[in-house]
Amino acid sequence: MIRLICFLLGKDFEPCKSCETLKQQLAIANEDRERLTDSLLNILQPKVVESVPVELNPVTQTAGLFSRRRAALEAKDRHDAQILAGSKSLGKPDIEALKNINELEAELGIEKEA
C-alpha cells in the first residue's frame, strides 16, 4: 500500500531485500528452464546431413527391354525349378547309410531298442 502511495506521489521507494532476492531467484529459474527447453529441442531435432548430389541417368525405353526382362525371369524360374527338383530327397533318410548302420550294429551285436 505504501508503494502505491509513493508511486502516485512520484516518489522513489526502496524495494525490500526479500523482493530483490525473489526476483533474482525467478530470473535464475527462468534461465534454467529456457536452457532445458533449448537442449530438449536440440535433441528432438533430426540432424541434417547433406550429401553430394548424384546424377541419375534416365532409363531409355527400348523395344527389346520387355523381352530381355522376360528372358531373365524365365532363366531365374528355370534355375529355381532345378533347385527344387534336386532337393526332393532332402529330409529323407539315406538308404545306403541306414544299411551300413544296420550292418555295423549286427557286427557289433547291438540289439535294437524296443
PDB file of N, CA and C in Angstrom:
ATOM      1  N   MET A   1       0.813  -1.174   0.000  1.00  0.00           N
ATOM      2  CA  MET A   1       0.000   0.000   0.000  1.00  0.00           C
ATOM      3  C   MET A   1       0.866   1.250   0.000  1.00  0.00           C
ATOM      4  N   ILE A   2       1.956   1.202   0.781  1.00  0.00           N
ATOM      5  CA  ILE A   2       2.860   2.343   0.847  1.00  0.00           C
ATOM      6  C   ILE A   2       3.490   2.573  -0.517  1.00  0.00           C
ATOM      7  N   ARG A   3       3.769   1.504  -1.211  1.00  0.00           N
ATOM      8  CA  ARG A   3       4.379   1.614  -2.532  1.00  0.00           C
ATOM      9  C   ARG A   3       3.435   2.289  -3.515  1.00  0.00           C
ATOM     10  N   LEU A   4       2.155   1.956  -3.439  1.00  0.00           N
ATOM     11  CA  LEU A   4       1.174   2.577  -4.316  1.00  0.00           C
ATOM     12  C   LEU A   4       1.089   4.081  -4.057  1.00  0.00           C
ATOM     13  N   ILE A   5       1.099   4.464  -2.810  1.00  0.00           N
ATOM     14  CA  ILE A   5       1.033   5.893  -2.460  1.00  0.00           C
ATOM     15  C   ILE A   5       2.297   6.605  -2.937  1.00  0.00           C
ATOM     16  N   CYS A   6       3.442   5.958  -2.743  1.00  0.00           N
ATOM     17  CA  CYS A   6       4.699   6.556  -3.211  1.00  0.00           C
ATOM     18  C   CYS A   6       4.697   6.676  -4.730  1.00  0.00           C
ATOM     19  N   PHE A   7       4.152   5.680  -5.398  1.00  0.00           N
ATOM     20  CA  PHE A   7       4.092   5.704  -6.860  1.00  0.00           C
ATOM     21  C   PHE A   7       3.189   6.831  -7.348  1.00  0.00           C
ATOM     22  N   LEU A   8       2.040   6.991  -6.694  1.00  0.00           N
ATOM     23  CA  LEU A   8       1.109   8.047  -7.087  1.00  0.00           C
ATOM     24  C   LEU A   8       1.678   9.442  -6.821  1.00  0.00           C
ATOM     25  N   LEU A   9       2.463   9.581  -5.778  1.00  0.00           N
ATOM     26  CA  LEU A   9       3.059  10.872  -5.457  1.00  0.00           C
ATOM     27  C   LEU A   9       4.334  11.136  -6.254  1.00  0.00           C
ATOM     28  N   GLY A  10       4.823  10.100  -6.965  1.00  0.00           N
ATOM     29  CA  GLY A  10       6.015  10.262  -7.792  1.00  0.00           C
ATOM     30  C   GLY A  10       7.309  10.165  -7.032  1.00  0.00           C
ATOM     31  N   LYS A  11       7.282   9.623  -5.856  1.00  0.00           N
ATOM     32  CA  LYS A  11       8.498   9.472  -5.055  1.00  0.00           C
ATOM     33  C   LYS A  11       9.060   8.057  -5.261  1.00  0.00           C
ATOM     34  N   ASP A  12      10.381   7.975  -5.251  1.00  0.00           N
ATOM     35  CA  ASP A  12      11.033   6.664  -5.358  1.00  0.00           C
ATOM     36  C   ASP A  12      10.938   5.951  -4.018  1.00  0.00           C
ATOM     37  N   PHE A  13      10.873   4.663  -4.071  1.00  0.00           N
ATOM     38  CA  PHE A  13      10.818   3.876  -2.846  1.00  0.00           C
ATOM     39  C   PHE A  13      11.869   2.785  -2.910  1.00  0.00           C
ATOM     40  N   GLU A  14      12.305   2.355  -1.787  1.00  0.00           N
ATOM     41  CA  GLU A  14      13.322   1.313  -1.687  1.00  0.00           C
ATOM     42  C   GLU A  14      12.627  -0.043  -1.681  1.00  0.00           C
ATOM     43  N   PRO A  15      12.956  -0.899  -2.651  1.00  0.00           N
ATOM     44  CA  PRO A  15      12.363  -2.240  -2.604  1.00  0.00           C
ATOM     45  C   PRO A  15      13.010  -3.046  -1.471  1.00  0.00           C
ATOM     46  N   CYS A  16      12.235  -3.912  -0.895  1.00  0.00           N
ATOM     47  CA  CYS A  16      12.757  -4.708   0.216  1.00  0.00           C
ATOM     48  C   CYS A  16      13.705  -5.789  -0.302  1.00  0.00           C
ATOM     49  N   LYS A  17      14.562  -6.277   0.598  1.00  0.00           N
ATOM     50  CA  LYS A  17      15.572  -7.261   0.208  1.00  0.00           C
ATOM     51  C   LYS A  17      14.938  -8.587  -0.220  1.00  0.00           C
ATOM     52  N   SER A  18      13.860  -8.979   0.404  1.00  0.00           N
ATOM     53  CA  SER A  18      13.230 -10.255   0.042  1.00  0.00           C
ATOM     54  C   SER A  18      12.649 -10.180  -1.366  1.00  0.00           C
ATOM     55  N   CYS A  19      12.133  -9.001  -1.758  1.00  0.00           N
ATOM     56  CA  CYS A  19      11.604  -8.858  -3.123  1.00  0.00           C
ATOM     57  C   CYS A  19      12.729  -8.977  -4.145  1.00  0.00           C
ATOM     58  N   GLU A  20      13.855  -8.376  -3.868  1.00  0.00           N
ATOM     59  CA  GLU A  20      15.007  -8.461  -4.771  1.00  0.00           C
ATOM     60  C   GLU A  20      15.513  -9.893  -4.864  1.00  0.00           C
ATOM     61  N   THR A  21      15.556 -10.573  -3.739  1.00  0.00           N
ATOM     62  CA  THR A  21      16.006 -11.969  -3.726  1.00  0.00           C
ATOM     63  C   THR A  21      15.058 -12.832  -4.548  1.00  0.00           C
ATOM     64  N   LEU A  22      13.763 -12.635  -4.396  1.00  0.00           N
ATOM     65  CA  LEU A  22      12.784 -13.411  -5.168  1.00  0.00           C
ATOM     66  C   LEU A  22      12.891 -13.125  -6.657  1.00  0.00           C
ATOM     67  N   LYS A  23      13.143 -11.852  -7.013  1.00  0.00           N
ATOM     68  CA  LYS A  23      13.306 -11.508  -8.434  1.00  0.00           C
ATOM     69  C   LYS A  23      14.529 -12.200  -9.017  1.00  0.00           C
ATOM     70  N   GLN A  24      15.626 -12.245  -8.258  1.00  0.00           N
ATOM     71  CA  GLN A  24      16.837 -12.911  -8.734  1.00  0.00           C
ATOM     72  C   GLN A  24      16.612 -14.413  -8.883  1.00  0.00           C
ATOM     73  N   GLN A  25      15.942 -15.017  -7.920  1.00  0.00           N
ATOM     74  CA  GLN A  25      15.671 -16.456  -8.000  1.00  0.00           C
ATOM     75  C   GLN A  25      14.748 -16.774  -9.167  1.00  0.00           C
ATOM     76  N   LEU A  26      13.771 -15.911  -9.416  1.00  0.00           N
ATOM     77  CA  LEU A  26      12.876 -16.117 -10.547  1.00  0.00           C
ATOM     78  C   LEU A  26      13.629 -16.002 -11.869  1.00  0.00           C
ATOM     79  N   ALA A  27      14.536 -15.041 -11.959  1.00  0.00           N
ATOM     80  CA  ALA A  27      15.337 -14.881 -13.182  1.00  0.00           C
ATOM     81  C   ALA A  27      16.210 -16.114 -13.406  1.00  0.00           C
ATOM     82  N   ILE A  28      16.823 -16.636 -12.337  1.00  0.00           N
ATOM     83  CA  ILE A  28      17.663 -17.840 -12.462  1.00  0.00           C
ATOM     84  C   ILE A  28      16.822 -19.037 -12.891  1.00  0.00           C
ATOM     85  N   ALA A  29      15.642 -19.198 -12.283  1.00  0.00           N
ATOM     86  CA  ALA A  29      14.768 -20.324 -12.636  1.00  0.00           C
ATOM     87  C   ALA A  29      14.319 -20.218 -14.093  1.00  0.00           C
ATOM     88  N   ASN A  30      14.008 -18.995 -14.548  1.00  0.00           N
ATOM     89  CA  ASN A  30      13.595 -18.809 -15.948  1.00  0.00           C
ATOM     90  C   ASN A  30      14.730 -19.138 -16.912  1.00  0.00           C
ATOM     91  N   GLU A  31      15.967 -18.739 -16.581  1.00  0.00           N
ATOM     92  CA  GLU A  31      17.113 -19.058 -17.433  1.00  0.00           C
ATOM     93  C   GLU A  31      17.335 -20.569 -17.498  1.00  0.00           C
ATOM     94  N   ASP A  32      17.229 -21.244 -16.352  1.00  0.00           N
ATOM     95  CA  ASP A  32      17.402 -22.701 -16.320  1.00  0.00           C
ATOM     96  C   ASP A  32      16.340 -23.388 -17.172  1.00  0.00           C
ATOM     97  N   ARG A  33      15.098 -22.943 -17.048  1.00  0.00           N
ATOM     98  CA  ARG A  33      14.011 -23.537 -17.824  1.00  0.00           C
ATOM     99  C   ARG A  33      14.219 -23.305 -19.318  1.00  0.00           C
ATOM    100  N   GLU A  34      14.709 -22.130 -19.691  1.00  0.00           N
ATOM    101  CA  GLU A  34      14.943 -21.825 -21.100  1.00  0.00           C
ATOM    102  C   GLU A  34      16.073 -22.682 -21.665  1.00  0.00           C
ATOM    103  N   ARG A  35      17.158 -22.863 -20.880  1.00  0.00           N
ATOM    104  CA  ARG A  35      18.264 -23.720 -21.322  1.00  0.00           C
ATOM    105  C   ARG A  35      17.806 -25.159 -21.477  1.00  0.00           C
ATOM    106  N   LEU A  36      16.997 -25.643 -20.541  1.00  0.00           N
ATOM    107  CA  LEU A  36      16.486 -27.009 -20.619  1.00  0.00           C
ATOM    108  C   LEU A  36      15.596 -27.185 -21.839  1.00  0.00           C
ATOM    109  N   THR A  37      14.746 -26.215 -22.095  1.00  0.00           N
ATOM    110  CA  THR A  37      13.873 -26.285 -23.277  1.00  0.00           C
ATOM    111  C   THR A  37      14.698 -26.293 -24.564  1.00  0.00           C
ATOM    112  N   ASP A  38      15.721 -25.444 -24.629  1.00  0.00           N
ATOM    113  CA  ASP A  38      16.576 -25.413 -25.820  1.00  0.00           C
ATOM    114  C   ASP A  38      17.310 -26.729 -26.022  1.00  0.00           C
ATOM    115  N   SER A  39      17.820 -27.303 -24.932  1.00  0.00           N
ATOM    116  CA  SER A  39      18.544 -28.576 -25.073  1.00  0.00           C
ATOM    117  C   SER A  39      17.604 -29.699 -25.491  1.00  0.00           C
ATOM    118  N   LEU A  40      16.367 -29.712 -24.976  1.00  0.00           N
ATOM    119  CA  LEU A  40      15.403 -30.737 -25.394  1.00  0.00           C
ATOM    120  C   LEU A  40      15.026 -30.573 -26.855  1.00  0.00           C
ATOM    121  N   LEU A  41      14.867 -29.352 -27.293  1.00  0.00           N
ATOM    122  CA  LEU A  41      14.540 -29.123 -28.704  1.00  0.00           C
ATOM    123  C   LEU A  41      15.693 -29.524 -29.609  1.00  0.00           C
ATOM    124  N   ASN A  42      16.926 -29.305 -29.168  1.00  0.00           N
ATOM    125  CA  ASN A  42      18.080 -29.722 -29.965  1.00  0.00           C
ATOM    126  C   ASN A  42      18.170 -31.237 -30.049  1.00  0.00           C
ATOM    127  N   ILE A  43      17.786 -31.926 -28.987  1.00  0.00           N
ATOM    128  CA  ILE A  43      17.812 -33.386 -29.001  1.00  0.00           C
ATOM    129  C   ILE A  43      16.753 -33.924 -29.954  1.00  0.00           C
ATOM    130  N   LEU A  44      15.582 -33.317 -29.957  1.00  0.00           N
ATOM    131  CA  LEU A  44      14.482 -33.823 -30.764  1.00  0.00           C
ATOM    132  C   LEU A  44      14.616 -33.497 -32.246  1.00  0.00           C
ATOM    133  N   GLN A  45      15.368 -32.466 -32.591  1.00  0.00           N
ATOM    134  CA  GLN A  45      15.503 -32.103 -33.991  1.00  0.00           C
ATOM    135  C   GLN A  45      16.470 -33.058 -34.674  1.00  0.00           C
ATOM    136  N   PRO A  46      16.086 -33.615 -35.822  1.00  0.00           N
ATOM    137  CA  PRO A  46      16.996 -34.517 -36.526  1.00  0.00           C
ATOM    138  C   PRO A  46      18.154 -33.723 -37.145  1.00  0.00           C
ATOM    139  N   LYS A  47      19.296 -34.361 -37.191  1.00  0.00           N
ATOM    140  CA  LYS A  47      20.461 -33.719 -37.791  1.00  0.00           C
ATOM    141  C   LYS A  47      20.380 -33.865 -39.306  1.00  0.00           C
ATOM    142  N   VAL A  48      20.593 -32.794 -39.988  1.00  0.00           N
ATOM    143  CA  VAL A  48      20.509 -32.793 -41.443  1.00  0.00           C
ATOM    144  C   VAL A  48      21.912 -33.003 -42.003  1.00  0.00           C
ATOM    145  N   VAL A  49      22.039 -34.037 -42.806  1.00  0.00           N
ATOM    146  CA  VAL A  49      23.314 -34.336 -43.429  1.00  0.00           C
ATOM    147  C   VAL A  49      23.131 -34.170 -44.926  1.00  0.00           C
ATOM    148  N   GLU A  50      23.903 -33.280 -45.491  1.00  0.00           N
ATOM    149  CA  GLU A  50      23.797 -33.048 -46.928  1.00  0.00           C
ATOM    150  C   GLU A  50      24.807 -33.937 -47.629  1.00  0.00           C
ATOM    151  N   SER A  51      24.342 -34.628 -48.640  1.00  0.00           N
ATOM    152  CA  SER A  51      25.227 -35.488 -49.406  1.00  0.00           C
ATOM    153  C   SER A  51      25.428 -34.881 -50.795  1.00  0.00           C
ATOM    154  N   VAL A  52      26.433 -35.387 -51.451  1.00  0.00           N
ATOM    155  CA  VAL A  52      26.735 -34.902 -52.790  1.00  0.00           C
ATOM    156  C   VAL A  52      25.641 -35.388 -53.729  1.00  0.00           C
ATOM    157  N   PRO A  53      25.064 -34.502 -54.529  1.00  0.00           N
ATOM    158  CA  PRO A  53      24.008 -34.951 -55.435  1.00  0.00           C
ATOM    159  C   PRO A  53      24.561 -35.916 -56.487  1.00  0.00           C
ATOM    160  N   VAL A  54      23.812 -36.962 -56.721  1.00  0.00           N
ATOM    161  CA  VAL A  54      24.205 -37.994 -57.676  1.00  0.00           C
ATOM    162  C   VAL A  54      23.401 -37.788 -58.947  1.00  0.00           C
ATOM    163  N   GLU A  55      24.107 -37.789 -60.051  1.00  0.00           N
ATOM    164  CA  GLU A  55      23.415 -37.626 -61.319  1.00  0.00           C
ATOM    165  C   GLU A  55      22.752 -38.953 -61.708  1.00  0.00           C
ATOM    166  N   LEU A  56      21.486 -38.888 -62.024  1.00  0.00           N
ATOM    167  CA  LEU A  56      20.749 -40.077 -62.421  1.00  0.00           C
ATOM    168  C   LEU A  56      20.601 -40.088 -63.931  1.00  0.00           C
ATOM    169  N   ASN A  57      20.975 -41.209 -64.507  1.00  0.00           N
ATOM    170  CA  ASN A  57      20.800 -41.343 -65.951  1.00  0.00           C
ATOM    171  C   ASN A  57      19.374 -41.784 -66.227  1.00  0.00           C
ATOM    172  N   PRO A  58      18.688 -41.116 -67.124  1.00  0.00           N
ATOM    173  CA  PRO A  58      17.316 -41.523 -67.414  1.00  0.00           C
ATOM    174  C   PRO A  58      17.286 -42.897 -68.078  1.00  0.00           C
ATOM    175  N   VAL A  59      16.284 -43.683 -67.735  1.00  0.00           N
ATOM    176  CA  VAL A  59      16.129 -45.008 -68.309  1.00  0.00           C
ATOM    177  C   VAL A  59      15.536 -44.851 -69.702  1.00  0.00           C
ATOM    178  N   THR A  60      16.224 -45.405 -70.658  1.00  0.00           N
ATOM    179  CA  THR A  60      15.728 -45.300 -72.030  1.00  0.00           C
ATOM    180  C   THR A  60      14.824 -46.483 -72.319  1.00  0.00           C
ATOM    181  N   GLN A  61      13.718 -46.199 -72.908  1.00  0.00           N
ATOM    182  CA  GLN A  61      12.770 -47.248 -73.268  1.00  0.00           C
ATOM    183  C   GLN A  61      13.131 -47.784 -74.661  1.00  0.00           C
ATOM    184  N   THR A  62      13.337 -49.080 -74.711  1.00  0.00           N
ATOM    185  CA  THR A  62      13.638 -49.712 -75.998  1.00  0.00           C
ATOM    186  C   THR A  62      12.629 -50.819 -76.230  1.00  0.00           C
ATOM    187  N   ALA A  63      12.545 -51.240 -77.463  1.00  0.00           N
ATOM    188  CA  ALA A  63      11.584 -52.279 -77.821  1.00  0.00           C
ATOM    189  C   ALA A  63      11.983 -53.622 -77.215  1.00  0.00           C
ATOM    190  N   GLY A  64      13.267 -53.873 -77.071  1.00  0.00           N
ATOM    191  CA  GLY A  64      13.729 -55.157 -76.570  1.00  0.00           C
ATOM    192  C   GLY A  64      13.782 -55.234 -75.055  1.00  0.00           C
ATOM    193  N   LEU A  65      13.410 -54.197 -74.369  1.00  0.00           N
ATOM    194  CA  LEU A  65      13.534 -54.171 -72.925  1.00  0.00           C
ATOM    195  C   LEU A  65      12.650 -55.221 -72.253  1.00  0.00           C
ATOM    196  N   PHE A  66      11.392 -55.331 -72.665  1.00  0.00           N
ATOM    197  CA  PHE A  66      10.493 -56.305 -72.059  1.00  0.00           C
ATOM    198  C   PHE A  66      10.927 -57.731 -72.369  1.00  0.00           C
ATOM    199  N   SER A  67      11.400 -57.954 -73.583  1.00  0.00           N
ATOM    200  CA  SER A  67      11.827 -59.312 -73.935  1.00  0.00           C
ATOM    201  C   SER A  67      13.052 -59.722 -73.121  1.00  0.00           C
ATOM    202  N   ARG A  68      13.955 -58.783 -72.890  1.00  0.00           N
ATOM    203  CA  ARG A  68      15.123 -59.106 -72.062  1.00  0.00           C
ATOM    204  C   ARG A  68      14.709 -59.392 -70.626  1.00  0.00           C
ATOM    205  N   ARG A  69      13.784 -58.616 -70.119  1.00  0.00           N
ATOM    206  CA  ARG A  69      13.310 -58.823 -68.755  1.00  0.00           C
ATOM    207  C   ARG A  69      12.608 -60.173 -68.639  1.00  0.00           C
ATOM    208  N   ARG A  70      11.771 -60.516 -69.637  1.00  0.00           N
ATOM    209  CA  ARG A  70      11.072 -61.792 -69.625  1.00  0.00           C
ATOM    210  C   ARG A  70      12.061 -62.944 -69.693  1.00  0.00           C
ATOM    211  N   ALA A  71      13.097 -62.827 -70.527  1.00  0.00           N
ATOM    212  CA  ALA A  71      14.104 -63.883 -70.646  1.00  0.00           C
ATOM    213  C   ALA A  71      14.847 -64.065 -69.323  1.00  0.00           C
ATOM    214  N   ALA A  72      15.161 -62.968 -68.645  1.00  0.00           N
ATOM    215  CA  ALA A  72      15.856 -63.073 -67.366  1.00  0.00           C
ATOM    216  C   ALA A  72      14.960 -63.738 -66.327  1.00  0.00           C
ATOM    217  N   LEU A  73      13.666 -63.384 -66.286  1.00  0.00           N
ATOM    218  CA  LEU A  73      12.739 -64.015 -65.351  1.00  0.00           C
ATOM    219  C   LEU A  73      12.575 -65.501 -65.639  1.00  0.00           C
ATOM    220  N   GLU A  74      12.498 -65.870 -66.920  1.00  0.00           N
ATOM    221  CA  GLU A  74      12.378 -67.286 -67.271  1.00  0.00           C
ATOM    222  C   GLU A  74      13.627 -68.063 -66.867  1.00  0.00           C
ATOM    223  N   ALA A  75      14.809 -67.465 -67.059  1.00  0.00           N
ATOM    224  CA  ALA A  75      16.049 -68.137 -66.656  1.00  0.00           C
ATOM    225  C   ALA A  75      16.084 -68.330 -65.146  1.00  0.00           C
ATOM    226  N   LYS A  76      15.639 -67.321 -64.404  1.00  0.00           N
ATOM    227  CA  LYS A  76      15.590 -67.444 -62.951  1.00  0.00           C
ATOM    228  C   LYS A  76      14.604 -68.532 -62.531  1.00  0.00           C
ATOM    229  N   ASP A  77      13.453 -68.596 -63.192  1.00  0.00           N
ATOM    230  CA  ASP A  77      12.474 -69.639 -62.875  1.00  0.00           C
ATOM    231  C   ASP A  77      13.030 -71.027 -63.175  1.00  0.00           C
ATOM    232  N   ARG A  78      13.758 -71.166 -64.288  1.00  0.00           N
ATOM    233  CA  ARG A  78      14.358 -72.465 -64.612  1.00  0.00           C
ATOM    234  C   ARG A  78      15.376 -72.864 -63.544  1.00  0.00           C
ATOM    235  N   HIS A  79      16.169 -71.900 -63.105  1.00  0.00           N
ATOM    236  CA  HIS A  79      17.167 -72.180 -62.068  1.00  0.00           C
ATOM    237  C   HIS A  79      16.489 -72.605 -60.762  1.00  0.00           C
ATOM    238  N   ASP A  80      15.418 -71.891 -60.376  1.00  0.00           N
ATOM    239  CA  ASP A  80      14.679 -72.256 -59.166  1.00  0.00           C
ATOM    240  C   ASP A  80      14.043 -73.638 -59.296  1.00  0.00           C
ATOM    241  N   ALA A  81      13.546 -73.974 -60.472  1.00  0.00           N
ATOM    242  CA  ALA A  81      12.947 -75.291 -60.700  1.00  0.00           C
ATOM    243  C   ALA A  81      14.001 -76.388 -60.579  1.00  0.00           C
ATOM    244  N   GLN A  82      15.220 -76.129 -61.056  1.00  0.00           N
ATOM    245  CA  GLN A  82      16.294 -77.124 -60.928  1.00  0.00           C
ATOM    246  C   GLN A  82      16.640 -77.335 -59.455  1.00  0.00           C
ATOM    247  N   ILE A  83      16.660 -76.264 -58.689  1.00  0.00           N
ATOM    248  CA  ILE A  83      16.959 -76.394 -57.259  1.00  0.00           C
ATOM    249  C   ILE A  83      15.875 -77.220 -56.572  1.00  0.00           C
ATOM    250  N   LEU A  84      14.596 -76.955 -56.898  1.00  0.00           N
ATOM    251  CA  LEU A  84      13.506 -77.720 -56.292  1.00  0.00           C
ATOM    252  C   LEU A  84      13.550 -79.186 -56.714  1.00  0.00           C
ATOM    253  N   ALA A  85      13.870 -79.437 -57.982  1.00  0.00           N
ATOM    254  CA  ALA A  85      13.924 -80.825 -58.459  1.00  0.00           C
ATOM    255  C   ALA A  85      15.063 -81.587 -57.775  1.00  0.00           C
ATOM    256  N   GLY A  86      16.173 -80.917 -57.533  1.00  0.00           N
ATOM    257  CA  GLY A  86      17.308 -81.577 -56.894  1.00  0.00           C
ATOM    258  C   GLY A  86      17.124 -81.751 -55.402  1.00  0.00           C
ATOM    259  N   SER A  87      16.183 -81.048 -54.800  1.00  0.00           N
ATOM    260  CA  SER A  87      16.036 -81.106 -53.350  1.00  0.00           C
ATOM    261  C   SER A  87      14.886 -81.995 -52.900  1.00  0.00           C
ATOM    262  N   LYS A  88      14.410 -82.871 -53.767  1.00  0.00           N
ATOM    263  CA  LYS A  88      13.312 -83.753 -53.378  1.00  0.00           C
ATOM    264  C   LYS A  88      13.742 -84.769 -52.337  1.00  0.00           C
ATOM    265  N   SER A  89      15.037 -85.108 -52.312  1.00  0.00           N
ATOM    266  CA  SER A  89      15.497 -86.116 -51.356  1.00  0.00           C
ATOM    267  C   SER A  89      15.947 -85.486 -50.033  1.00  0.00           C
ATOM    268  N   LEU A  90      15.856 -84.199 -49.916  1.00  0.00           N
ATOM    269  CA  LEU A  90      16.238 -83.562 -48.660  1.00  0.00           C
ATOM    270  C   LEU A  90      15.253 -83.943 -47.564  1.00  0.00           C
ATOM    271  N   GLY A  91      15.753 -84.243 -46.403  1.00  0.00           N
ATOM    272  CA  GLY A  91      14.910 -84.601 -45.276  1.00  0.00           C
ATOM    273  C   GLY A  91      14.564 -86.076 -45.212  1.00  0.00           C
ATOM    274  N   LYS A  92      14.889 -86.836 -46.248  1.00  0.00           N
ATOM    275  CA  LYS A  92      14.631 -88.277 -46.242  1.00  0.00           C
ATOM    276  C   LYS A  92      15.894 -88.998 -45.781  1.00  0.00           C
ATOM    277  N   PRO A  93      15.744 -90.100 -45.082  1.00  0.00           N
ATOM    278  CA  PRO A  93      16.939 -90.821 -44.633  1.00  0.00           C
ATOM    279  C   PRO A  93      17.655 -91.461 -45.815  1.00  0.00           C
ATOM    280  N   ASP A  94      18.956 -91.482 -45.732  1.00  0.00           N
ATOM    281  CA  ASP A  94      19.777 -92.087 -46.779  1.00  0.00           C
ATOM    282  C   ASP A  94      19.735 -93.606 -46.594  1.00  0.00           C
ATOM    283  N   ILE A  95      19.223 -94.305 -47.602  1.00  0.00           N
ATOM    284  CA  ILE A  95      19.030 -95.755 -47.504  1.00  0.00           C
ATOM    285  C   ILE A  95      20.368 -96.471 -47.386  1.00  0.00           C
ATOM    286  N   GLU A  96      21.378 -96.001 -48.130  1.00  0.00           N
ATOM    287  CA  GLU A  96      22.698 -96.638 -48.069  1.00  0.00           C
ATOM    288  C   GLU A  96      23.303 -96.509 -46.671  1.00  0.00           C
ATOM    289  N   ALA A  97      23.188 -95.322 -46.082  1.00  0.00           N
ATOM    290  CA  ALA A  97      23.738 -95.114 -44.744  1.00  0.00           C
ATOM    291  C   ALA A  97      22.977 -95.957 -43.721  1.00  0.00           C
ATOM    292  N   LEU A  98      21.650 -96.111 -43.898  1.00  0.00           N
ATOM    293  CA  LEU A  98      20.847 -96.908 -42.982  1.00  0.00           C
ATOM    294  C   LEU A  98      21.256 -98.376 -43.055  1.00  0.00           C
ATOM    295  N   LYS A  99      21.545 -98.859 -44.283  1.00  0.00           N
ATOM    296  CA  LYS A  99      22.002-100.246 -44.425  1.00  0.00           C
ATOM    297  C   LYS A  99      23.349-100.437 -43.737  1.00  0.00           C
ATOM    298  N   ASN A 100      24.243 -99.462 -43.907  1.00  0.00           N
ATOM    299  CA  ASN A 100      25.566 -99.562 -43.266  1.00  0.00           C
ATOM    300  C   ASN A 100      25.435 -99.561 -41.748  1.00  0.00           C
ATOM    301  N   ILE A 101      24.544 -98.769 -41.227  1.00  0.00           N
ATOM    302  CA  ILE A 101      24.348 -98.722 -39.775  1.00  0.00           C
ATOM    303  C   ILE A 101      23.818-100.061 -39.273  1.00  0.00           C
ATOM    304  N   ASN A 102      22.853-100.627 -40.009  1.00  0.00           N
ATOM    305  CA  ASN A 102      22.302-101.933 -39.605  1.00  0.00           C
ATOM    306  C   ASN A 102      23.376-103.014 -39.645  1.00  0.00           C
ATOM    307  N   GLU A 103      24.241-102.980 -40.675  1.00  0.00           N
ATOM    308  CA  GLU A 103      25.316-103.971 -40.767  1.00  0.00           C
ATOM    309  C   GLU A 103      26.295-103.812 -39.600  1.00  0.00           C
ATOM    310  N   LEU A 104      26.647-102.577 -39.275  1.00  0.00           N
ATOM    311  CA  LEU A 104      27.574-102.347 -38.162  1.00  0.00           C
ATOM    312  C   LEU A 104      26.970-102.798 -36.836  1.00  0.00           C
ATOM    313  N   GLU A 105      25.667-102.541 -36.652  1.00  0.00           N
ATOM    314  CA  GLU A 105      25.019-102.989 -35.425  1.00  0.00           C
ATOM    315  C   GLU A 105      25.019-104.507 -35.333  1.00  0.00           C
ATOM    316  N   ALA A 106      24.799-105.174 -36.472  1.00  0.00           N
ATOM    317  CA  ALA A 106      24.802-106.637 -36.468  1.00  0.00           C
ATOM    318  C   ALA A 106      26.199-107.168 -36.154  1.00  0.00           C
ATOM    319  N   GLU A 107      27.232-106.518 -36.722  1.00  0.00           N
ATOM    320  CA  GLU A 107      28.600-106.969 -36.464  1.00  0.00           C
ATOM    321  C   GLU A 107      28.983-106.790 -34.988  1.00  0.00           C
ATOM    322  N   LEU A 108      28.541-105.690 -34.403  1.00  0.00           N
ATOM    323  CA  LEU A 108      28.914-105.407 -33.006  1.00  0.00           C
ATOM    324  C   LEU A 108      28.004-106.128 -32.018  1.00  0.00           C
ATOM    325  N   GLY A 109      26.901-106.665 -32.511  1.00  0.00           N
ATOM    326  CA  GLY A 109      25.992-107.389 -31.638  1.00  0.00           C
ATOM    327  C   GLY A 109      25.093-106.482 -30.827  1.00  0.00           C
ATOM    328  N   ILE A 110      24.812-105.336 -31.346  1.00  0.00           N
ATOM    329  CA  ILE A 110      23.936-104.396 -30.661  1.00  0.00           C
ATOM    330  C   ILE A 110      22.497-104.737 -31.012  1.00  0.00           C
ATOM    331  N   GLU A 111      21.677-104.914 -29.995  1.00  0.00           N
ATOM    332  CA  GLU A 111      20.288-105.253 -30.265  1.00  0.00           C
ATOM    333  C   GLU A 111      19.482-103.948 -30.409  1.00  0.00           C
ATOM    334  N   LYS A 112      18.426-104.035 -31.166  1.00  0.00           N
ATOM    335  CA  LYS A 112      17.568-102.869 -31.350  1.00  0.00           C
ATOM    336  C   LYS A 112      16.761-102.624 -30.074  1.00  0.00           C
ATOM    337  N   GLU A 113      16.578-101.348 -29.759  1.00  0.00           N
ATOM    338  CA  GLU A 113      15.833-101.000 -28.573  1.00  0.00           C
ATOM    339  C   GLU A 113      14.351-101.144 -28.845  1.00  0.00           C
ATOM    340  N   ALA A 114      13.612-101.560 -27.836  1.00  0.00           N
ATOM    341  CA  ALA A 114      12.178-101.773 -28.019  1.00  0.00           C
ATOM    342  C   ALA A 114      11.412-100.501 -27.850  1.00  0.00           C
TER     343      ALA A 114
END
